[in-house]
Amino acid sequence: MSSDIPGVDTTVDDGVLRVTLDRPARMNAVTTETLDAVADAFDKYAGDAEVRAAVLAGAGRAFCTGADLGGENVSGPPSSATIDAANRTAATIRAFPRPVIGAVNGPAAGVGVSLALACDLTVATASSYFLLAFTKVGLMPDGGATALVAASVGRARALKMALLAERLPAREALAAGLIADVYPDDEFAATVDALARRLADGPSEAFHFTKDAVNDATLTELDNAFARERTGQLDLLAAPDFREGVAAFLEKRPAVFGRG
């Protein structure tokens, strides 16, 4: 079966839930509605005993390139709705009682990094990269990224990614401990299918308790991160640097911060 939610495709086949960001023309940049639809999909199937594993993926040539700034209205401070939706989505994926594969088939940027790392087994194509792009538009990481990234790679690498907003290629992400594995592009779909099948055929309750135990041990600051990021991001969204950052993004020029 499949969902009809615009921007998100949801199917369940032979015990595997597949939630796919489906805005390929926007490289799967997300809106509040898109994020809520992803969270709704995981919520809907959380209690379904027939679902034994899940895959979060992106359609086309990207996983998720973050919030859709192309449609951003910067005439006034944006609302908190997108931040809240991102936090809810990351929390829902983390709480899902079955193992979730984050299938990163291209760029994962901004909140796309948060979505990928909220999954339990994050794997990527060799050509993929990860980018905490927030400071490029005068913002801070959100969607739990300040906890999710640091829990995987430590403080020094997390701060480098967050402050400098530099691309981290998939193989470097693997070496740093950010993700679980990297596969050749032309083998990626088949390998993810095989991994999902292995999980779906495995001991679901053992996976459930294992997932929760490891996440509880390593993501102790996730809820606090959501709250800190929300507070900081709302201040930044109302600041001149954000308006300049978005204008520069839309005009395809370097931003000039601190002039407003």
Foldseek 3Di string as FASTA:
>chain_A
DWDDQPQWIWDADQQEIEIEREPVVQLSADDLSNLQVLLVRLVVCLPPPSHAEYEYAYPDQFGYAYHRLVPDDLPAQDDLSSLVSLLSSLVSQLLRLHAYEYETRAEQEASSLLNQLSGDAYEYEQHHKYWDQAVLLQAFGGSLLLQSQCLFQNDVVSCCRGVVRDIGGRVNCVVRRSHPYYDHNVCRVVVVVVVRVVRSPDDRNVNSVVSVVVCVVRRVCRVVRSVVRSVRRSVRSRDPSNVQSSVCVVVVHRGDPDPD
